[in-house]
Every structure is written in structure tokens, then in C-alpha cells.
Amino acid sequence: GEGLAENIVDIFLNSSFEGGRHARRIDKITEIEIAAGITAIGAHAFEGYEKISKIELPDSVTELGEYAFNHCSGVTSVRLSNNLTEIKATALSDLGTTANPISITLPDSLLYIRGKAFSLSNGGGLKGDLTIPDNVQSIGEDAFVNNHGLTGNLTIGKSVKEIGGGAFSCCNFTGKLSVPGSVTKIGKKAFMSNKFTSIQIANGVTSIG
């Protein structure tokens, strides 16, 4: 409706907007439509929109700001832009419900996954397998921490240079993990509390923990 469109426009004009919970009755909004042509979702833009059920980013979006969709706990599906290059800190943390964790595909365009980008403190989070695309350069600290629904395979792309501390800790990945030769640094507890049957670390790693 017209009111919803006005709310979206207001938020995009002020990318650091943080007052949505009180100023825009976000508890009443169940759907967000992001127009093609938008290139960045600003910090805190949709933080706390607990009633929306899906996130769909047009392919014009290249950047997700800090806390952009943090604590959108009603979300059950996420479709990321095919041209997304950076997911900033805590941008997609605390998504989903325990009954409906989310399957996600990260785009090949992605370069940077910042700290706590998909972290989980409660709720459903992500599920199944996770593939880090081949163009990703770094994975921040606690990027996927506590996503207990990640019970499948973890595949790390061949361009990753650094894996931050706790990046994949307290998930439930299974199977074999191969850390590619591009990786030079693995942070403390990066893979803690998973269920891998084996982990193979290539010769490029110079620092662990």
C-alpha cells in the first residue's frame, strides 16, 4: 500500500535510520518490496522487522549495511542479489524461527562476509549445506556462529584468505572439510563444536588460533 511504500522510501533516503521501531510502526509491516535500482541497504534499515516473512534483494544491490536485517525473526526465505559483494557486520543475524530455519545460497559475486553477518543468538537461523563462493576473500569473526541447523556439508571457496575466530563455531556441520590453499589464517575456535568426520588443512595456512 501507499503507507508501506512511503516507509521504504524514507528508510532508503536516510541509510543510518535507527528509529523505525517507534516511528514507523514496524510491528504492523508484513512485507517489504525493494525496488530495482537500489544499490545498497543502509545500516539498521530494516532491523527488528519481526513480521516480515521473506527478504528478496534485487540484483542492483551490491552491499548490505551493518544490522540491515538484524533480528527479522519471522523471515523464512532469503534471496540475495546476484551482484552482492559485501555483507557487513550483523547484517543478517538472528533470522528465522526454530520451526522454520532458512536454506540460503550465497551469490558468486560475494567478496566479503563480515563479523557476525549470519550469527544466531536465538531462533532458527540457517539450515542444511553451506557453500562459501569462490570469490569470497575473508570470513569475519563469528560470521555463522550458533547456526545449529547447518547440519550438512561446509564448502569453503578457493579464494578465501582469512577465516575469523568462531566463524563456524557451534554449528552442526558433518562430512569432510577441506580448507583450501588460499587460506593463510584461521582464527581461534573457527570450527569449534561441529561434527566433521575429518578436516584437511592445506599448506598455505601460517596461523591457527
C-alpha atoms as a PDB file:
ATOM      1  CA  GLY A   1       0.000   0.000   0.000  1.00  0.00           C
ATOM      2  CA  GLU A   2       0.921   3.656  -0.156  1.00  0.00           C
ATOM      3  CA  GLY A   3       1.912   3.821   3.508  1.00  0.00           C
ATOM      4  CA  LEU A   4       4.325   0.907   3.137  1.00  0.00           C
ATOM      5  CA  ALA A   5       5.951   2.486   0.070  1.00  0.00           C
ATOM      6  CA  GLU A   6       6.460   5.738   1.964  1.00  0.00           C
ATOM      7  CA  ASN A   7       8.151   3.891   4.808  1.00  0.00           C
ATOM      8  CA  ILE A   8      10.587   2.195   2.450  1.00  0.00           C
ATOM      9  CA  VAL A   9      11.462   5.429   0.662  1.00  0.00           C
ATOM     10  CA  ASP A  10      12.082   7.228   3.955  1.00  0.00           C
ATOM     11  CA  ILE A  11      14.450   4.499   5.118  1.00  0.00           C
ATOM     12  CA  PHE A  12      16.494   4.491   1.941  1.00  0.00           C
ATOM     13  CA  LEU A  13      16.869   8.271   1.974  1.00  0.00           C
ATOM     14  CA  ASN A  14      18.485   8.004   5.399  1.00  0.00           C
ATOM     15  CA  SER A  15      20.695   4.933   5.362  1.00  0.00           C
ATOM     16  CA  SER A  16      21.627   5.298   9.019  1.00  0.00           C
ATOM     17  CA  PHE A  17      17.979   5.390  10.111  1.00  0.00           C
ATOM     18  CA  GLU A  18      17.575   3.691  13.503  1.00  0.00           C
ATOM     19  CA  GLY A  19      14.174   4.848  14.765  1.00  0.00           C
ATOM     20  CA  GLY A  20      11.890   2.569  12.795  1.00  0.00           C
ATOM     21  CA  ARG A  21      10.530   0.515  15.668  1.00  0.00           C
ATOM     22  CA  HIS A  22       8.817   3.517  17.237  1.00  0.00           C
ATOM     23  CA  ALA A  23       8.433   5.979  14.377  1.00  0.00           C
ATOM     24  CA  ARG A  24       7.040   3.697  11.691  1.00  0.00           C
ATOM     25  CA  ARG A  25       5.007   1.033  13.492  1.00  0.00           C
ATOM     26  CA  ILE A  26       7.211  -1.707  12.064  1.00  0.00           C
ATOM     27  CA  ASP A  27       5.294  -4.279  14.079  1.00  0.00           C
ATOM     28  CA  LYS A  28       2.471  -3.860  11.545  1.00  0.00           C
ATOM     29  CA  ILE A  29       4.558  -4.370   8.392  1.00  0.00           C
ATOM     30  CA  THR A  30       4.486  -7.892   6.958  1.00  0.00           C
ATOM     31  CA  GLU A  31       6.090  -7.350   3.546  1.00  0.00           C
ATOM     32  CA  ILE A  32       8.932  -5.239   2.179  1.00  0.00           C
ATOM     33  CA  GLU A  33       9.359  -4.595  -1.528  1.00  0.00           C
ATOM     34  CA  ILE A  34      12.758  -3.212  -2.558  1.00  0.00           C
ATOM     35  CA  ALA A  35      12.799  -1.507  -5.928  1.00  0.00           C
ATOM     36  CA  ALA A  36      15.229  -2.431  -8.704  1.00  0.00           C
ATOM     37  CA  GLY A  37      17.929   0.215  -8.933  1.00  0.00           C
ATOM     38  CA  ILE A  38      18.649   0.349  -5.197  1.00  0.00           C
ATOM     39  CA  THR A  39      22.388  -0.354  -4.835  1.00  0.00           C
ATOM     40  CA  ALA A  40      22.855  -0.516  -1.052  1.00  0.00           C
ATOM     41  CA  ILE A  41      20.766  -1.306   2.005  1.00  0.00           C
ATOM     42  CA  GLY A  42      21.920   1.045   4.753  1.00  0.00           C
ATOM     43  CA  ALA A  43      22.823   0.282   8.352  1.00  0.00           C
ATOM     44  CA  HIS A  44      19.846  -0.653  10.567  1.00  0.00           C
ATOM     45  CA  ALA A  45      17.482  -0.124   7.604  1.00  0.00           C
ATOM     46  CA  PHE A  46      15.094  -2.964   8.478  1.00  0.00           C
ATOM     47  CA  GLU A  47      16.380  -4.022  11.868  1.00  0.00           C
ATOM     48  CA  GLY A  48      13.725  -5.613  14.053  1.00  0.00           C
ATOM     49  CA  TYR A  49      11.055  -6.062  11.357  1.00  0.00           C
ATOM     50  CA  GLU A  50       9.862  -9.238  13.039  1.00  0.00           C
ATOM     51  CA  LYS A  51       6.682  -9.694  10.992  1.00  0.00           C
ATOM     52  CA  ILE A  52       8.200  -9.901   7.507  1.00  0.00           C
ATOM     53  CA  SER A  53       8.486 -13.441   6.134  1.00  0.00           C
ATOM     54  CA  LYS A  54      10.918 -13.007   3.252  1.00  0.00           C
ATOM     55  CA  ILE A  55      13.899 -10.953   2.126  1.00  0.00           C
ATOM     56  CA  GLU A  56      14.312 -10.505  -1.613  1.00  0.00           C
ATOM     57  CA  LEU A  57      17.087  -8.249  -2.884  1.00  0.00           C
ATOM     58  CA  PRO A  58      17.057  -7.044  -6.495  1.00  0.00           C
ATOM     59  CA  ASP A  59      20.233  -7.685  -8.470  1.00  0.00           C
ATOM     60  CA  SER A  60      21.107  -3.983  -8.325  1.00  0.00           C
ATOM     61  CA  VAL A  61      22.045  -4.322  -4.621  1.00  0.00           C
ATOM     62  CA  THR A  62      25.804  -4.678  -4.064  1.00  0.00           C
ATOM     63  CA  GLU A  63      26.083  -4.019  -0.328  1.00  0.00           C
ATOM     64  CA  LEU A  64      24.210  -4.891   2.857  1.00  0.00           C
ATOM     65  CA  GLY A  65      24.942  -2.469   5.712  1.00  0.00           C
ATOM     66  CA  GLU A  66      25.519  -3.303   9.349  1.00  0.00           C
ATOM     67  CA  TYR A  67      22.407  -4.638  11.113  1.00  0.00           C
ATOM     68  CA  ALA A  68      20.423  -4.131   7.882  1.00  0.00           C
ATOM     69  CA  PHE A  69      18.074  -7.065   8.577  1.00  0.00           C
ATOM     70  CA  ASN A  70      19.170  -7.930  12.089  1.00  0.00           C
ATOM     71  CA  HIS A  71      16.566  -9.719  14.195  1.00  0.00           C
ATOM     72  CA  CYS A  72      13.963 -10.162  11.453  1.00  0.00           C
ATOM     73  CA  SER A  73      12.892 -13.269  13.299  1.00  0.00           C
ATOM     74  CA  GLY A  74       9.848 -14.064  11.166  1.00  0.00           C
ATOM     75  CA  VAL A  75      11.829 -14.478   7.939  1.00  0.00           C
ATOM     76  CA  THR A  76      11.584 -17.948   6.383  1.00  0.00           C
ATOM     77  CA  SER A  77      13.194 -17.287   2.983  1.00  0.00           C
ATOM     78  CA  VAL A  78      16.095 -15.155   1.733  1.00  0.00           C
ATOM     79  CA  ARG A  79      17.005 -14.354  -1.848  1.00  0.00           C
ATOM     80  CA  LEU A  80      20.242 -12.357  -2.151  1.00  0.00           C
ATOM     81  CA  SER A  81      21.278 -10.183  -5.078  1.00  0.00           C
ATOM     82  CA  ASN A  82      23.393 -11.884  -7.742  1.00  0.00           C
ATOM     83  CA  ASN A  83      25.674  -8.828  -7.661  1.00  0.00           C
ATOM     84  CA  LEU A  84      26.113  -8.596  -3.891  1.00  0.00           C
ATOM     85  CA  THR A  85      29.781  -8.058  -2.953  1.00  0.00           C
ATOM     86  CA  GLU A  86      29.708  -7.361   0.780  1.00  0.00           C
ATOM     87  CA  ILE A  87      27.616  -8.439   3.749  1.00  0.00           C
ATOM     88  CA  LYS A  88      28.576  -6.195   6.640  1.00  0.00           C
ATOM     89  CA  ALA A  89      28.626  -6.998  10.341  1.00  0.00           C
ATOM     90  CA  THR A  90      25.429  -8.468  11.794  1.00  0.00           C
ATOM     91  CA  ALA A  91      23.536  -7.658   8.584  1.00  0.00           C
ATOM     92  CA  LEU A  92      21.553 -10.913   8.531  1.00  0.00           C
ATOM     93  CA  SER A  93      21.847 -12.120  12.114  1.00  0.00           C
ATOM     94  CA  ASP A  94      19.050 -13.698  14.147  1.00  0.00           C
ATOM     95  CA  LEU A  95      16.864 -14.585  11.189  1.00  0.00           C
ATOM     96  CA  GLY A  96      14.210 -17.262  11.128  1.00  0.00           C
ATOM     97  CA  THR A  97      12.260 -19.304  13.625  1.00  0.00           C
ATOM     98  CA  THR A  98      13.122 -22.581  15.321  1.00  0.00           C
ATOM     99  CA  ALA A  99      10.340 -24.265  13.347  1.00  0.00           C
ATOM    100  CA  ASN A 100      11.439 -22.735  10.032  1.00  0.00           C
ATOM    101  CA  PRO A 101      15.218 -22.376   9.638  1.00  0.00           C
ATOM    102  CA  ILE A 102      16.376 -20.993   6.294  1.00  0.00           C
ATOM    103  CA  SER A 103      18.222 -22.511   3.338  1.00  0.00           C
ATOM    104  CA  ILE A 104      20.460 -19.922   1.726  1.00  0.00           C
ATOM    105  CA  THR A 105      22.547 -19.623  -1.432  1.00  0.00           C
ATOM    106  CA  LEU A 106      25.367 -17.099  -1.330  1.00  0.00           C
ATOM    107  CA  PRO A 107      25.976 -15.417  -4.714  1.00  0.00           C
ATOM    108  CA  ASP A 108      29.167 -15.950  -6.723  1.00  0.00           C
ATOM    109  CA  SER A 109      29.721 -12.177  -6.695  1.00  0.00           C
ATOM    110  CA  LEU A 110      30.304 -12.104  -2.933  1.00  0.00           C
ATOM    111  CA  LEU A 111      33.728 -10.885  -1.732  1.00  0.00           C
ATOM    112  CA  TYR A 112      33.408 -10.161   1.988  1.00  0.00           C
ATOM    113  CA  ILE A 113      31.383 -11.715   4.801  1.00  0.00           C
ATOM    114  CA  ARG A 114      31.945  -9.539   7.864  1.00  0.00           C
ATOM    115  CA  GLY A 115      31.789 -10.409  11.550  1.00  0.00           C
ATOM    116  CA  LYS A 116      28.541 -11.911  12.849  1.00  0.00           C
ATOM    117  CA  ALA A 117      26.943 -11.468   9.429  1.00  0.00           C
ATOM    118  CA  PHE A 118      24.708 -14.523   9.936  1.00  0.00           C
ATOM    119  CA  SER A 119      25.232 -15.066  13.660  1.00  0.00           C
ATOM    120  CA  LEU A 120      22.461 -16.504  15.797  1.00  0.00           C
ATOM    121  CA  SER A 121      21.637 -15.846  19.425  1.00  0.00           C
ATOM    122  CA  ASN A 122      18.151 -17.381  19.284  1.00  0.00           C
ATOM    123  CA  GLY A 123      15.620 -18.594  16.727  1.00  0.00           C
ATOM    124  CA  GLY A 124      16.094 -20.765  13.678  1.00  0.00           C
ATOM    125  CA  GLY A 125      18.924 -19.339  11.598  1.00  0.00           C
ATOM    126  CA  LEU A 126      20.269 -21.259   8.612  1.00  0.00           C
ATOM    127  CA  LYS A 127      19.923 -24.941   7.735  1.00  0.00           C
ATOM    128  CA  GLY A 128      21.410 -27.636   5.527  1.00  0.00           C
ATOM    129  CA  ASP A 129      24.605 -27.240   3.495  1.00  0.00           C
ATOM    130  CA  LEU A 130      26.636 -24.050   3.189  1.00  0.00           C
ATOM    131  CA  THR A 131      28.881 -23.133   0.286  1.00  0.00           C
ATOM    132  CA  ILE A 132      31.210 -20.140   0.545  1.00  0.00           C
ATOM    133  CA  PRO A 133      31.610 -18.967  -3.079  1.00  0.00           C
ATOM    134  CA  ASP A 134      34.998 -18.999  -4.805  1.00  0.00           C
ATOM    135  CA  ASN A 135      35.346 -15.197  -4.956  1.00  0.00           C
ATOM    136  CA  VAL A 136      34.991 -14.613  -1.196  1.00  0.00           C
ATOM    137  CA  GLN A 137      38.203 -13.144   0.267  1.00  0.00           C
ATOM    138  CA  SER A 138      37.509 -13.211   4.002  1.00  0.00           C
ATOM    139  CA  ILE A 139      35.024 -14.536   6.546  1.00  0.00           C
ATOM    140  CA  GLY A 140      34.710 -12.431   9.701  1.00  0.00           C
ATOM    141  CA  GLU A 141      34.673 -13.457  13.330  1.00  0.00           C
ATOM    142  CA  ASP A 142      31.563 -15.353  14.427  1.00  0.00           C
ATOM    143  CA  ALA A 143      30.120 -14.950  10.927  1.00  0.00           C
ATOM    144  CA  PHE A 144      27.918 -18.071  11.203  1.00  0.00           C
ATOM    145  CA  VAL A 145      28.188 -18.855  14.907  1.00  0.00           C
ATOM    146  CA  ASN A 146      25.398 -20.867  16.584  1.00  0.00           C
ATOM    147  CA  ASN A 147      23.525 -21.809  13.404  1.00  0.00           C
ATOM    148  CA  HIS A 148      22.646 -25.255  14.730  1.00  0.00           C
ATOM    149  CA  GLY A 149      20.531 -26.038  11.671  1.00  0.00           C
ATOM    150  CA  LEU A 150      23.625 -26.158   9.456  1.00  0.00           C
ATOM    151  CA  THR A 151      23.848 -29.934   9.569  1.00  0.00           C
ATOM    152  CA  GLY A 152      25.138 -30.643   6.056  1.00  0.00           C
ATOM    153  CA  ASN A 153      28.452 -30.028   4.307  1.00  0.00           C
ATOM    154  CA  LEU A 154      30.582 -26.888   4.543  1.00  0.00           C
ATOM    155  CA  THR A 155      32.449 -25.920   1.377  1.00  0.00           C
ATOM    156  CA  ILE A 156      34.962 -23.084   1.534  1.00  0.00           C
ATOM    157  CA  GLY A 157      35.768 -21.265  -1.703  1.00  0.00           C
ATOM    158  CA  LYS A 158      39.246 -21.301  -3.217  1.00  0.00           C
ATOM    159  CA  SER A 159      39.929 -17.561  -2.771  1.00  0.00           C
ATOM    160  CA  VAL A 160      39.324 -17.250   0.986  1.00  0.00           C
ATOM    161  CA  LYS A 161      42.433 -15.883   2.715  1.00  0.00           C
ATOM    162  CA  GLU A 162      41.253 -15.485   6.296  1.00  0.00           C
ATOM    163  CA  ILE A 163      38.679 -17.274   8.453  1.00  0.00           C
ATOM    164  CA  GLY A 164      37.884 -15.310  11.597  1.00  0.00           C
ATOM    165  CA  GLY A 165      37.710 -16.685  15.100  1.00  0.00           C
ATOM    166  CA  GLY A 166      34.497 -18.558  15.817  1.00  0.00           C
ATOM    167  CA  ALA A 167      33.361 -18.144  12.203  1.00  0.00           C
ATOM    168  CA  PHE A 168      31.657 -21.553  12.041  1.00  0.00           C
ATOM    169  CA  SER A 169      31.621 -22.475  15.726  1.00  0.00           C
ATOM    170  CA  CYS A 170      28.650 -24.199  17.349  1.00  0.00           C
ATOM    171  CA  CYS A 171      27.056 -25.258  14.075  1.00  0.00           C
ATOM    172  CA  ASN A 172      26.423 -28.936  13.294  1.00  0.00           C
ATOM    173  CA  PHE A 173      28.293 -29.463  10.039  1.00  0.00           C
ATOM    174  CA  THR A 174      29.062 -33.054   9.079  1.00  0.00           C
ATOM    175  CA  GLY A 175      31.237 -34.780   6.492  1.00  0.00           C
ATOM    176  CA  LYS A 176      34.733 -33.860   5.369  1.00  0.00           C
ATOM    177  CA  LEU A 177      36.043 -30.284   5.436  1.00  0.00           C
ATOM    178  CA  SER A 178      38.865 -29.150   3.174  1.00  0.00           C
ATOM    179  CA  VAL A 179      40.448 -25.785   3.898  1.00  0.00           C
ATOM    180  CA  PRO A 180      41.843 -24.503   0.566  1.00  0.00           C
ATOM    181  CA  GLY A 181      45.428 -23.432  -0.036  1.00  0.00           C
ATOM    182  CA  SER A 182      44.422 -19.784  -0.350  1.00  0.00           C
ATOM    183  CA  VAL A 183      43.760 -19.607   3.417  1.00  0.00           C
ATOM    184  CA  THR A 184      46.670 -18.205   5.439  1.00  0.00           C
ATOM    185  CA  LYS A 185      44.978 -17.536   8.785  1.00  0.00           C
ATOM    186  CA  ILE A 186      42.366 -19.423  10.791  1.00  0.00           C
ATOM    187  CA  GLY A 187      41.109 -17.694  13.931  1.00  0.00           C
ATOM    188  CA  LYS A 188      40.573 -19.192  17.366  1.00  0.00           C
ATOM    189  CA  LYS A 189      37.696 -21.695  17.628  1.00  0.00           C
ATOM    190  CA  ALA A 190      36.784 -21.157  13.968  1.00  0.00           C
ATOM    191  CA  PHE A 191      35.303 -24.677  13.634  1.00  0.00           C
ATOM    192  CA  MET A 192      34.553 -25.490  17.284  1.00  0.00           C
ATOM    193  CA  SER A 193      31.650 -27.824  18.160  1.00  0.00           C
ATOM    194  CA  ASN A 194      30.842 -29.299  14.771  1.00  0.00           C
ATOM    195  CA  LYS A 195      30.569 -32.925  13.654  1.00  0.00           C
ATOM    196  CA  PHE A 196      33.107 -33.155  10.834  1.00  0.00           C
ATOM    197  CA  THR A 197      34.433 -36.627  10.162  1.00  0.00           C
ATOM    198  CA  SER A 198      37.737 -35.104   9.027  1.00  0.00           C
ATOM    199  CA  ILE A 199      39.379 -31.737   8.419  1.00  0.00           C
ATOM    200  CA  GLN A 200      42.120 -31.258   5.855  1.00  0.00           C
ATOM    201  CA  ILE A 201      44.123 -28.030   6.043  1.00  0.00           C
ATOM    202  CA  ALA A 202      46.259 -27.057   3.051  1.00  0.00           C
ATOM    203  CA  ASN A 203      49.887 -25.916   3.306  1.00  0.00           C
ATOM    204  CA  GLY A 204      49.070 -22.216   2.852  1.00  0.00           C
ATOM    205  CA  VAL A 205      47.936 -21.767   6.457  1.00  0.00           C
ATOM    206  CA  THR A 206      50.561 -19.982   8.569  1.00  0.00           C
ATOM    207  CA  SER A 207      48.496 -19.128  11.637  1.00  0.00           C
ATOM    208  CA  ILE A 208      45.826 -21.043  13.576  1.00  0.00           C
ATOM    209  CA  GLY A 209      44.188 -19.620  16.696  1.00  0.00           C
END
